[in-house]
Amino acid sequence: MADARIPTHLEVGGLIRVVQAAGGFATVIAKGERDAGTLMLVLSERGAPARAFERMPQADGTRRWSLSRSQDMDEPRDFWEWCDRRHQQDGDLWVLEIDVANAERFIA
């Protein structure tokens, strides 16, 4: 049985609104495929190292958020270059940056 998914552009729009309502900021870094694109969330909280989370397929057929990469504060630019490469490798990928306190609550 395929898991029901809402179109990615609607999920992104909803996340932006929820983050803004919580007093944070969210912006689309890269757009992917409108309806069936994958989503990567970059969580950055007031100067803390950024973290990239992606939904990864699990053995039971579900998809769970997993940490893909953390920013090294000694080489912060490497993280953003990696995000750019991920989007170039997967044109369907949306990259959404979220800057809000306790950002992990949006992927729980």
PDB file of N, CA and C in Angstrom:
ATOM      1  N   MET A   1       0.846  -1.175   0.000  1.00  0.00           N
ATOM      2  CA  MET A   1       0.000   0.000   0.000  1.00  0.00           C
ATOM      3  C   MET A   1       0.896   1.244   0.000  1.00  0.00           C
ATOM      4  N   ALA A   2       0.698   2.130  -0.928  1.00  0.00           N
ATOM      5  CA  ALA A   2       1.476   3.360  -1.002  1.00  0.00           C
ATOM      6  C   ALA A   2       0.993   4.336   0.061  1.00  0.00           C
ATOM      7  N   ASP A   3       1.976   5.033   0.682  1.00  0.00           N
ATOM      8  CA  ASP A   3       1.540   5.993   1.692  1.00  0.00           C
ATOM      9  C   ASP A   3       1.004   7.242   1.001  1.00  0.00           C
ATOM     10  N   ALA A   4      -0.073   7.784   1.555  1.00  0.00           N
ATOM     11  CA  ALA A   4      -0.705   8.973   0.983  1.00  0.00           C
ATOM     12  C   ALA A   4       0.184  10.177   1.237  1.00  0.00           C
ATOM     13  N   ARG A   5       0.402  10.957   0.187  1.00  0.00           N
ATOM     14  CA  ARG A   5       1.249  12.140   0.308  1.00  0.00           C
ATOM     15  C   ARG A   5       0.501  13.337  -0.254  1.00  0.00           C
ATOM     16  N   ILE A   6       0.657  14.437   0.441  1.00  0.00           N
ATOM     17  CA  ILE A   6       0.122  15.672  -0.118  1.00  0.00           C
ATOM     18  C   ILE A   6       1.157  16.212  -1.099  1.00  0.00           C
ATOM     19  N   PRO A   7       0.752  16.991  -2.080  1.00  0.00           N
ATOM     20  CA  PRO A   7       1.722  17.570  -3.010  1.00  0.00           C
ATOM     21  C   PRO A   7       2.783  18.372  -2.260  1.00  0.00           C
ATOM     22  N   THR A   8       4.009  18.241  -2.700  1.00  0.00           N
ATOM     23  CA  THR A   8       5.138  18.851  -1.998  1.00  0.00           C
ATOM     24  C   THR A   8       4.986  20.357  -1.871  1.00  0.00           C
ATOM     25  N   HIS A   9       4.521  21.015  -2.912  1.00  0.00           N
ATOM     26  CA  HIS A   9       4.402  22.478  -2.829  1.00  0.00           C
ATOM     27  C   HIS A   9       3.418  22.903  -1.740  1.00  0.00           C
ATOM     28  N   LEU A  10       2.402  22.087  -1.477  1.00  0.00           N
ATOM     29  CA  LEU A  10       1.458  22.397  -0.400  1.00  0.00           C
ATOM     30  C   LEU A  10       2.098  22.163   0.967  1.00  0.00           C
ATOM     31  N   GLU A  11       2.873  21.086   1.079  1.00  0.00           N
ATOM     32  CA  GLU A  11       3.570  20.817   2.339  1.00  0.00           C
ATOM     33  C   GLU A  11       4.550  21.942   2.653  1.00  0.00           C
ATOM     34  N   VAL A  12       5.298  22.387   1.649  1.00  0.00           N
ATOM     35  CA  VAL A  12       6.262  23.474   1.837  1.00  0.00           C
ATOM     36  C   VAL A  12       5.538  24.751   2.264  1.00  0.00           C
ATOM     37  N   GLY A  13       4.473  25.092   1.565  1.00  0.00           N
ATOM     38  CA  GLY A  13       3.708  26.289   1.908  1.00  0.00           C
ATOM     39  C   GLY A  13       3.158  26.225   3.326  1.00  0.00           C
ATOM     40  N   GLY A  14       2.655  25.062   3.713  1.00  0.00           N
ATOM     41  CA  GLY A  14       2.136  24.879   5.064  1.00  0.00           C
ATOM     42  C   GLY A  14       3.210  25.017   6.114  1.00  0.00           C
ATOM     43  N   LEU A  15       4.383  24.430   5.852  1.00  0.00           N
ATOM     44  CA  LEU A  15       5.494  24.546   6.800  1.00  0.00           C
ATOM     45  C   LEU A  15       5.925  26.000   6.970  1.00  0.00           C
ATOM     46  N   ILE A  16       5.995  26.730   5.879  1.00  0.00           N
ATOM     47  CA  ILE A  16       6.383  28.145   5.951  1.00  0.00           C
ATOM     48  C   ILE A  16       5.409  28.908   6.844  1.00  0.00           C
ATOM     49  N   ARG A  17       4.125  28.681   6.649  1.00  0.00           N
ATOM     50  CA  ARG A  17       3.118  29.396   7.443  1.00  0.00           C
ATOM     51  C   ARG A  17       3.174  29.024   8.923  1.00  0.00           C
ATOM     52  N   VAL A  18       3.366  27.740   9.214  1.00  0.00           N
ATOM     53  CA  VAL A  18       3.424  27.291  10.605  1.00  0.00           C
ATOM     54  C   VAL A  18       4.666  27.863  11.300  1.00  0.00           C
ATOM     55  N   VAL A  19       5.788  27.866  10.612  1.00  0.00           N
ATOM     56  CA  VAL A  19       7.015  28.415  11.191  1.00  0.00           C
ATOM     57  C   VAL A  19       6.846  29.911  11.446  1.00  0.00           C
ATOM     58  N   GLN A  20       6.263  30.629  10.495  1.00  0.00           N
ATOM     59  CA  GLN A  20       6.037  32.061  10.683  1.00  0.00           C
ATOM     60  C   GLN A  20       5.085  32.314  11.847  1.00  0.00           C
ATOM     61  N   ALA A  21       4.056  31.504  11.988  1.00  0.00           N
ATOM     62  CA  ALA A  21       3.111  31.654  13.096  1.00  0.00           C
ATOM     63  C   ALA A  21       3.793  31.412  14.446  1.00  0.00           C
ATOM     64  N   ALA A  22       4.854  30.603  14.437  1.00  0.00           N
ATOM     65  CA  ALA A  22       5.610  30.322  15.662  1.00  0.00           C
ATOM     66  C   ALA A  22       6.688  31.373  15.922  1.00  0.00           C
ATOM     67  N   GLY A  23       6.712  32.423  15.090  1.00  0.00           N
ATOM     68  CA  GLY A  23       7.670  33.500  15.292  1.00  0.00           C
ATOM     69  C   GLY A  23       9.005  33.288  14.604  1.00  0.00           C
ATOM     70  N   GLY A  24       9.069  32.315  13.705  1.00  0.00           N
ATOM     71  CA  GLY A  24      10.318  32.015  13.012  1.00  0.00           C
ATOM     72  C   GLY A  24      10.303  32.487  11.574  1.00  0.00           C
ATOM     73  N   PHE A  25      11.305  32.058  10.861  1.00  0.00           N
ATOM     74  CA  PHE A  25      11.482  32.420   9.457  1.00  0.00           C
ATOM     75  C   PHE A  25      11.742  31.152   8.657  1.00  0.00           C
ATOM     76  N   ALA A  26      11.110  31.037   7.515  1.00  0.00           N
ATOM     77  CA  ALA A  26      11.334  29.897   6.624  1.00  0.00           C
ATOM     78  C   ALA A  26      11.390  30.406   5.198  1.00  0.00           C
ATOM     79  N   THR A  27      12.295  29.848   4.425  1.00  0.00           N
ATOM     80  CA  THR A  27      12.430  30.259   3.027  1.00  0.00           C
ATOM     81  C   THR A  27      12.823  29.074   2.165  1.00  0.00           C
ATOM     82  N   VAL A  28      12.355  29.099   0.932  1.00  0.00           N
ATOM     83  CA  VAL A  28      12.705  28.062  -0.032  1.00  0.00           C
ATOM     84  C   VAL A  28      14.079  28.397  -0.613  1.00  0.00           C
ATOM     85  N   ILE A  29      15.032  27.515  -0.421  1.00  0.00           N
ATOM     86  CA  ILE A  29      16.379  27.666  -0.968  1.00  0.00           C
ATOM     87  C   ILE A  29      16.412  27.148  -2.400  1.00  0.00           C
ATOM     88  N   ALA A  30      15.701  26.036  -2.646  1.00  0.00           N
ATOM     89  CA  ALA A  30      15.645  25.446  -3.992  1.00  0.00           C
ATOM     90  C   ALA A  30      14.296  24.764  -4.164  1.00  0.00           C
ATOM     91  N   LYS A  31      13.699  24.967  -5.337  1.00  0.00           N
ATOM     92  CA  LYS A  31      12.424  24.319  -5.661  1.00  0.00           C
ATOM     93  C   LYS A  31      12.687  23.018  -6.396  1.00  0.00           C
ATOM     94  N   GLY A  32      11.853  22.027  -6.081  1.00  0.00           N
ATOM     95  CA  GLY A  32      11.924  20.752  -6.757  1.00  0.00           C
ATOM     96  C   GLY A  32      10.640  20.497  -7.527  1.00  0.00           C
ATOM     97  N   GLU A  33      10.347  19.239  -7.751  1.00  0.00           N
ATOM     98  CA  GLU A  33       9.148  18.850  -8.486  1.00  0.00           C
ATOM     99  C   GLU A  33       7.918  19.241  -7.666  1.00  0.00           C
ATOM    100  N   ARG A  34       6.990  19.918  -8.301  1.00  0.00           N
ATOM    101  CA  ARG A  34       5.847  20.540  -7.640  1.00  0.00           C
ATOM    102  C   ARG A  34       5.000  19.572  -6.806  1.00  0.00           C
ATOM    103  N   ASP A  35       4.671  18.430  -7.351  1.00  0.00           N
ATOM    104  CA  ASP A  35       3.726  17.547  -6.670  1.00  0.00           C
ATOM    105  C   ASP A  35       4.364  16.364  -5.945  1.00  0.00           C
ATOM    106  N   ALA A  36       5.374  15.770  -6.539  1.00  0.00           N
ATOM    107  CA  ALA A  36       5.942  14.549  -5.958  1.00  0.00           C
ATOM    108  C   ALA A  36       7.409  14.704  -5.583  1.00  0.00           C
ATOM    109  N   GLY A  37       7.864  15.936  -5.420  1.00  0.00           N
ATOM    110  CA  GLY A  37       9.259  16.173  -5.067  1.00  0.00           C
ATOM    111  C   GLY A  37       9.578  15.718  -3.651  1.00  0.00           C
ATOM    112  N   THR A  38      10.849  15.486  -3.418  1.00  0.00           N
ATOM    113  CA  THR A  38      11.309  15.160  -2.076  1.00  0.00           C
ATOM    114  C   THR A  38      11.623  16.463  -1.353  1.00  0.00           C
ATOM    115  N   LEU A  39      11.742  16.388  -0.036  1.00  0.00           N
ATOM    116  CA  LEU A  39      11.912  17.592   0.769  1.00  0.00           C
ATOM    117  C   LEU A  39      13.081  17.427   1.722  1.00  0.00           C
ATOM    118  N   MET A  40      13.954  18.421   1.734  1.00  0.00           N
ATOM    119  CA  MET A  40      15.038  18.484   2.707  1.00  0.00           C
ATOM    120  C   MET A  40      14.826  19.744   3.527  1.00  0.00           C
ATOM    121  N   LEU A  41      14.833  19.593   4.841  1.00  0.00           N
ATOM    122  CA  LEU A  41      14.708  20.733   5.732  1.00  0.00           C
ATOM    123  C   LEU A  41      16.062  21.060   6.320  1.00  0.00           C
ATOM    124  N   VAL A  42      16.454  22.310   6.204  1.00  0.00           N
ATOM    125  CA  VAL A  42      17.689  22.789   6.817  1.00  0.00           C
ATOM    126  C   VAL A  42      17.262  23.583   8.042  1.00  0.00           C
ATOM    127  N   LEU A  43      17.606  23.054   9.213  1.00  0.00           N
ATOM    128  CA  LEU A  43      17.237  23.701  10.463  1.00  0.00           C
ATOM    129  C   LEU A  43      18.409  24.533  10.949  1.00  0.00           C
ATOM    130  N   SER A  44      18.166  25.811  11.119  1.00  0.00           N
ATOM    131  CA  SER A  44      19.206  26.706  11.633  1.00  0.00           C
ATOM    132  C   SER A  44      18.564  27.589  12.685  1.00  0.00           C
ATOM    133  N   GLU A  45      19.163  27.582  13.852  1.00  0.00           N
ATOM    134  CA  GLU A  45      18.597  28.337  14.972  1.00  0.00           C
ATOM    135  C   GLU A  45      19.600  29.360  15.477  1.00  0.00           C
ATOM    136  N   ARG A  46      19.398  30.599  15.146  1.00  0.00           N
ATOM    137  CA  ARG A  46      20.159  31.734  15.681  1.00  0.00           C
ATOM    138  C   ARG A  46      21.652  31.468  15.852  1.00  0.00           C
ATOM    139  N   GLY A  47      22.321  31.216  14.767  1.00  0.00           N
ATOM    140  CA  GLY A  47      23.769  31.073  14.796  1.00  0.00           C
ATOM    141  C   GLY A  47      24.291  29.696  15.143  1.00  0.00           C
ATOM    142  N   ALA A  48      23.416  28.767  15.501  1.00  0.00           N
ATOM    143  CA  ALA A  48      23.850  27.398  15.782  1.00  0.00           C
ATOM    144  C   ALA A  48      24.177  26.713  14.456  1.00  0.00           C
ATOM    145  N   PRO A  49      24.993  25.676  14.485  1.00  0.00           N
ATOM    146  CA  PRO A  49      25.285  24.960  13.229  1.00  0.00           C
ATOM    147  C   PRO A  49      24.001  24.437  12.578  1.00  0.00           C
ATOM    148  N   ALA A  50      23.900  24.614  11.280  1.00  0.00           N
ATOM    149  CA  ALA A  50      22.732  24.144  10.530  1.00  0.00           C
ATOM    150  C   ALA A  50      22.761  22.618  10.439  1.00  0.00           C
ATOM    151  N   ARG A  51      21.561  22.038  10.326  1.00  0.00           N
ATOM    152  CA  ARG A  51      21.418  20.591  10.182  1.00  0.00           C
ATOM    153  C   ARG A  51      20.430  20.318   9.063  1.00  0.00           C
ATOM    154  N   ALA A  52      20.760  19.357   8.217  1.00  0.00           N
ATOM    155  CA  ALA A  52      19.888  18.994   7.100  1.00  0.00           C
ATOM    156  C   ALA A  52      19.207  17.662   7.407  1.00  0.00           C
ATOM    157  N   PHE A  53      17.886  17.657   7.303  1.00  0.00           N
ATOM    158  CA  PHE A  53      17.096  16.449   7.526  1.00  0.00           C
ATOM    159  C   PHE A  53      16.362  16.097   6.240  1.00  0.00           C
ATOM    160  N   GLU A  54      16.336  14.799   5.932  1.00  0.00           N
ATOM    161  CA  GLU A  54      15.608  14.297   4.766  1.00  0.00           C
ATOM    162  C   GLU A  54      14.778  13.103   5.200  1.00  0.00           C
ATOM    163  N   ARG A  55      13.662  12.869   4.483  1.00  0.00           N
ATOM    164  CA  ARG A  55      12.876  11.663   4.741  1.00  0.00           C
ATOM    165  C   ARG A  55      13.532  10.510   4.020  1.00  0.00           C
ATOM    166  N   MET A  56      13.829   9.471   4.765  1.00  0.00           N
ATOM    167  CA  MET A  56      14.480   8.301   4.191  1.00  0.00           C
ATOM    168  C   MET A  56      13.542   7.103   4.264  1.00  0.00           C
ATOM    169  N   PRO A  57      13.488   6.313   3.184  1.00  0.00           N
ATOM    170  CA  PRO A  57      12.640   5.114   3.189  1.00  0.00           C
ATOM    171  C   PRO A  57      13.125   4.119   4.248  1.00  0.00           C
ATOM    172  N   GLN A  58      12.174   3.505   4.918  1.00  0.00           N
ATOM    173  CA  GLN A  58      12.469   2.511   5.942  1.00  0.00           C
ATOM    174  C   GLN A  58      12.085   1.125   5.418  1.00  0.00           C
ATOM    175  N   ALA A  59      12.555   0.098   6.087  1.00  0.00           N
ATOM    176  CA  ALA A  59      12.290  -1.282   5.669  1.00  0.00           C
ATOM    177  C   ALA A  59      10.797  -1.602   5.650  1.00  0.00           C
ATOM    178  N   ASP A  60      10.032  -0.938   6.527  1.00  0.00           N
ATOM    179  CA  ASP A  60       8.592  -1.217   6.590  1.00  0.00           C
ATOM    180  C   ASP A  60       7.785  -0.410   5.564  1.00  0.00           C
ATOM    181  N   GLY A  61       8.473   0.336   4.697  1.00  0.00           N
ATOM    182  CA  GLY A  61       7.798   1.089   3.647  1.00  0.00           C
ATOM    183  C   GLY A  61       7.467   2.525   4.025  1.00  0.00           C
ATOM    184  N   THR A  62       7.646   2.876   5.285  1.00  0.00           N
ATOM    185  CA  THR A  62       7.397   4.255   5.704  1.00  0.00           C
ATOM    186  C   THR A  62       8.629   5.109   5.383  1.00  0.00           C
ATOM    187  N   ARG A  63       8.464   6.398   5.563  1.00  0.00           N
ATOM    188  CA  ARG A  63       9.583   7.325   5.368  1.00  0.00           C
ATOM    189  C   ARG A  63       9.732   8.146   6.638  1.00  0.00           C
ATOM    190  N   ARG A  64      10.941   8.136   7.208  1.00  0.00           N
ATOM    191  CA  ARG A  64      11.192   8.813   8.473  1.00  0.00           C
ATOM    192  C   ARG A  64      12.258   9.890   8.283  1.00  0.00           C
ATOM    193  N   TRP A  65      12.108  11.010   8.995  1.00  0.00           N
ATOM    194  CA  TRP A  65      13.103  12.073   8.936  1.00  0.00           C
ATOM    195  C   TRP A  65      14.408  11.578   9.537  1.00  0.00           C
ATOM    196  N   SER A  66      15.506  11.815   8.829  1.00  0.00           N
ATOM    197  CA  SER A  66      16.836  11.421   9.287  1.00  0.00           C
ATOM    198  C   SER A  66      17.806  12.575   9.066  1.00  0.00           C
ATOM    199  N   LEU A  67      18.736  12.717   9.986  1.00  0.00           N
ATOM    200  CA  LEU A  67      19.769  13.727   9.842  1.00  0.00           C
ATOM    201  C   LEU A  67      20.718  13.302   8.730  1.00  0.00           C
ATOM    202  N   SER A  68      20.859  14.149   7.704  1.00  0.00           N
ATOM    203  CA  SER A  68      21.741  13.847   6.578  1.00  0.00           C
ATOM    204  C   SER A  68      23.113  14.483   6.735  1.00  0.00           C
ATOM    205  N   ARG A  69      23.141  15.674   7.323  1.00  0.00           N
ATOM    206  CA  ARG A  69      24.423  16.373   7.462  1.00  0.00           C
ATOM    207  C   ARG A  69      24.282  17.499   8.480  1.00  0.00           C
ATOM    208  N   SER A  70      25.379  17.742   9.201  1.00  0.00           N
ATOM    209  CA  SER A  70      25.468  18.865  10.131  1.00  0.00           C
ATOM    210  C   SER A  70      26.562  19.797   9.660  1.00  0.00           C
ATOM    211  N   GLN A  71      26.381  21.069   9.928  1.00  0.00           N
ATOM    212  CA  GLN A  71      27.350  22.078   9.516  1.00  0.00           C
ATOM    213  C   GLN A  71      28.542  22.086  10.467  1.00  0.00           C
ATOM    214  N   ASP A  72      29.727  22.108   9.899  1.00  0.00           N
ATOM    215  CA  ASP A  72      30.963  22.241  10.655  1.00  0.00           C
ATOM    216  C   ASP A  72      31.258  23.737  10.752  1.00  0.00           C
ATOM    217  N   MET A  73      31.275  24.280  11.950  1.00  0.00           N
ATOM    218  CA  MET A  73      31.458  25.722  12.109  1.00  0.00           C
ATOM    219  C   MET A  73      32.849  26.186  11.687  1.00  0.00           C
ATOM    220  N   ASP A  74      33.820  25.270  11.587  1.00  0.00           N
ATOM    221  CA  ASP A  74      35.142  25.647  11.077  1.00  0.00           C
ATOM    222  C   ASP A  74      35.122  25.834   9.563  1.00  0.00           C
ATOM    223  N   GLU A  75      34.220  25.134   8.887  1.00  0.00           N
ATOM    224  CA  GLU A  75      34.066  25.221   7.426  1.00  0.00           C
ATOM    225  C   GLU A  75      32.585  25.351   7.081  1.00  0.00           C
ATOM    226  N   PRO A  76      31.931  26.440   7.479  1.00  0.00           N
ATOM    227  CA  PRO A  76      30.469  26.546   7.304  1.00  0.00           C
ATOM    228  C   PRO A  76      30.023  26.519   5.851  1.00  0.00           C
ATOM    229  N   ARG A  77      30.856  26.975   4.972  1.00  0.00           N
ATOM    230  CA  ARG A  77      30.474  27.014   3.554  1.00  0.00           C
ATOM    231  C   ARG A  77      30.336  25.620   2.937  1.00  0.00           C
ATOM    232  N   ASP A  78      31.085  24.647   3.457  1.00  0.00           N
ATOM    233  CA  ASP A  78      31.006  23.269   2.957  1.00  0.00           C
ATOM    234  C   ASP A  78      29.580  22.732   3.035  1.00  0.00           C
ATOM    235  N   PHE A  79      28.885  23.081   4.104  1.00  0.00           N
ATOM    236  CA  PHE A  79      27.512  22.607   4.290  1.00  0.00           C
ATOM    237  C   PHE A  79      26.603  23.097   3.159  1.00  0.00           C
ATOM    238  N   TRP A  80      26.691  24.395   2.839  1.00  0.00           N
ATOM    239  CA  TRP A  80      25.830  24.973   1.806  1.00  0.00           C
ATOM    240  C   TRP A  80      26.222  24.476   0.425  1.00  0.00           C
ATOM    241  N   GLU A  81      27.497  24.214   0.213  1.00  0.00           N
ATOM    242  CA  GLU A  81      27.925  23.623  -1.061  1.00  0.00           C
ATOM    243  C   GLU A  81      27.373  22.214  -1.194  1.00  0.00           C
ATOM    244  N   TRP A  82      27.345  21.471  -0.096  1.00  0.00           N
ATOM    245  CA  TRP A  82      26.770  20.131  -0.098  1.00  0.00           C
ATOM    246  C   TRP A  82      25.272  20.207  -0.435  1.00  0.00           C
ATOM    247  N   CYS A  83      24.557  21.167   0.163  1.00  0.00           N
ATOM    248  CA  CYS A  83      23.118  21.334  -0.143  1.00  0.00           C
ATOM    249  C   CYS A  83      22.915  21.609  -1.630  1.00  0.00           C
ATOM    250  N   ASP A  84      23.758  22.470  -2.198  1.00  0.00           N
ATOM    251  CA  ASP A  84      23.662  22.771  -3.637  1.00  0.00           C
ATOM    252  C   ASP A  84      23.897  21.516  -4.470  1.00  0.00           C
ATOM    253  N   ARG A  85      24.902  20.727  -4.099  1.00  0.00           N
ATOM    254  CA  ARG A  85      25.186  19.487  -4.845  1.00  0.00           C
ATOM    255  C   ARG A  85      24.021  18.509  -4.744  1.00  0.00           C
ATOM    256  N   ARG A  86      23.414  18.401  -3.545  1.00  0.00           N
ATOM    257  CA  ARG A  86      22.266  17.499  -3.372  1.00  0.00           C
ATOM    258  C   ARG A  86      21.141  17.898  -4.327  1.00  0.00           C
ATOM    259  N   HIS A  87      20.884  19.194  -4.450  1.00  0.00           N
ATOM    260  CA  HIS A  87      19.816  19.646  -5.340  1.00  0.00           C
ATOM    261  C   HIS A  87      20.189  19.404  -6.800  1.00  0.00           C
ATOM    262  N   GLN A  88      21.439  19.574  -7.155  1.00  0.00           N
ATOM    263  CA  GLN A  88      21.873  19.312  -8.530  1.00  0.00           C
ATOM    264  C   GLN A  88      21.756  17.831  -8.863  1.00  0.00           C
ATOM    265  N   GLN A  89      22.012  16.961  -7.885  1.00  0.00           N
ATOM    266  CA  GLN A  89      21.918  15.518  -8.096  1.00  0.00           C
ATOM    267  C   GLN A  89      20.472  15.056  -8.206  1.00  0.00           C
ATOM    268  N   ASP A  90      19.576  15.765  -7.527  1.00  0.00           N
ATOM    269  CA  ASP A  90      18.164  15.381  -7.486  1.00  0.00           C
ATOM    270  C   ASP A  90      17.324  16.616  -7.781  1.00  0.00           C
ATOM    271  N   GLY A  91      16.983  16.817  -9.037  1.00  0.00           N
ATOM    272  CA  GLY A  91      16.209  17.979  -9.452  1.00  0.00           C
ATOM    273  C   GLY A  91      14.813  18.035  -8.856  1.00  0.00           C
ATOM    274  N   ASP A  92      14.334  16.909  -8.301  1.00  0.00           N
ATOM    275  CA  ASP A  92      13.014  16.878  -7.656  1.00  0.00           C
ATOM    276  C   ASP A  92      13.055  17.416  -6.227  1.00  0.00           C
ATOM    277  N   LEU A  93      14.262  17.618  -5.696  1.00  0.00           N
ATOM    278  CA  LEU A  93      14.454  17.977  -4.292  1.00  0.00           C
ATOM    279  C   LEU A  93      14.131  19.442  -4.009  1.00  0.00           C
ATOM    280  N   TRP A  94      13.305  19.655  -2.998  1.00  0.00           N
ATOM    281  CA  TRP A  94      13.050  20.982  -2.444  1.00  0.00           C
ATOM    282  C   TRP A  94      13.975  21.146  -1.242  1.00  0.00           C
ATOM    283  N   VAL A  95      14.557  22.327  -1.081  1.00  0.00           N
ATOM    284  CA  VAL A  95      15.376  22.635   0.093  1.00  0.00           C
ATOM    285  C   VAL A  95      14.713  23.814   0.789  1.00  0.00           C
ATOM    286  N   LEU A  96      14.281  23.593   2.023  1.00  0.00           N
ATOM    287  CA  LEU A  96      13.592  24.607   2.805  1.00  0.00           C
ATOM    288  C   LEU A  96      14.401  24.883   4.062  1.00  0.00           C
ATOM    289  N   GLU A  97      14.791  26.148   4.251  1.00  0.00           N
ATOM    290  CA  GLU A  97      15.528  26.538   5.457  1.00  0.00           C
ATOM    291  C   GLU A  97      14.542  27.081   6.480  1.00  0.00           C
ATOM    292  N   ILE A  98      14.688  26.592   7.709  1.00  0.00           N
ATOM    293  CA  ILE A  98      13.819  26.991   8.809  1.00  0.00           C
ATOM    294  C   ILE A  98      14.682  27.538   9.934  1.00  0.00           C
ATOM    295  N   ASP A  99      14.377  28.751  10.360  1.00  0.00           N
ATOM    296  CA  ASP A  99      15.079  29.373  11.486  1.00  0.00           C
ATOM    297  C   ASP A  99      14.042  29.729  12.534  1.00  0.00           C
ATOM    298  N   VAL A 100      13.944  28.875  13.533  1.00  0.00           N
ATOM    299  CA  VAL A 100      12.962  29.053  14.603  1.00  0.00           C
ATOM    300  C   VAL A 100      13.450  28.251  15.806  1.00  0.00           C
ATOM    301  N   ALA A 101      13.096  28.698  16.997  1.00  0.00           N
ATOM    302  CA  ALA A 101      13.462  27.962  18.206  1.00  0.00           C
ATOM    303  C   ALA A 101      12.830  26.572  18.185  1.00  0.00           C
ATOM    304  N   ASN A 102      13.597  25.588  18.636  1.00  0.00           N
ATOM    305  CA  ASN A 102      13.113  24.207  18.721  1.00  0.00           C
ATOM    306  C   ASN A 102      12.561  23.713  17.379  1.00  0.00           C
ATOM    307  N   ALA A 103      13.328  23.890  16.333  1.00  0.00           N
ATOM    308  CA  ALA A 103      12.878  23.571  14.973  1.00  0.00           C
ATOM    309  C   ALA A 103      12.546  22.100  14.763  1.00  0.00           C
ATOM    310  N   GLU A 104      13.136  21.214  15.567  1.00  0.00           N
ATOM    311  CA  GLU A 104      12.882  19.782  15.396  1.00  0.00           C
ATOM    312  C   GLU A 104      11.408  19.424  15.579  1.00  0.00           C
ATOM    313  N   ARG A 105      10.660  20.279  16.240  1.00  0.00           N
ATOM    314  CA  ARG A 105       9.227  19.983  16.450  1.00  0.00           C
ATOM    315  C   ARG A 105       8.472  19.915  15.131  1.00  0.00           C
ATOM    316  N   PHE A 106       9.003  20.529  14.075  1.00  0.00           N
ATOM    317  CA  PHE A 106       8.323  20.533  12.786  1.00  0.00           C
ATOM    318  C   PHE A 106       8.578  19.263  11.975  1.00  0.00           C
ATOM    319  N   ILE A 107       9.464  18.423  12.451  1.00  0.00           N
ATOM    320  CA  ILE A 107       9.704  17.153  11.769  1.00  0.00           C
ATOM    321  C   ILE A 107       9.360  15.960  12.644  1.00  0.00           C
ATOM    322  N   ALA A 108       8.889  16.231  13.849  1.00  0.00           N
ATOM    323  CA  ALA A 108       8.573  15.144  14.773  1.00  0.00           C
ATOM    324  C   ALA A 108       7.360  14.368  14.310  1.00  0.00           C
TER     325      ALA A 108
END
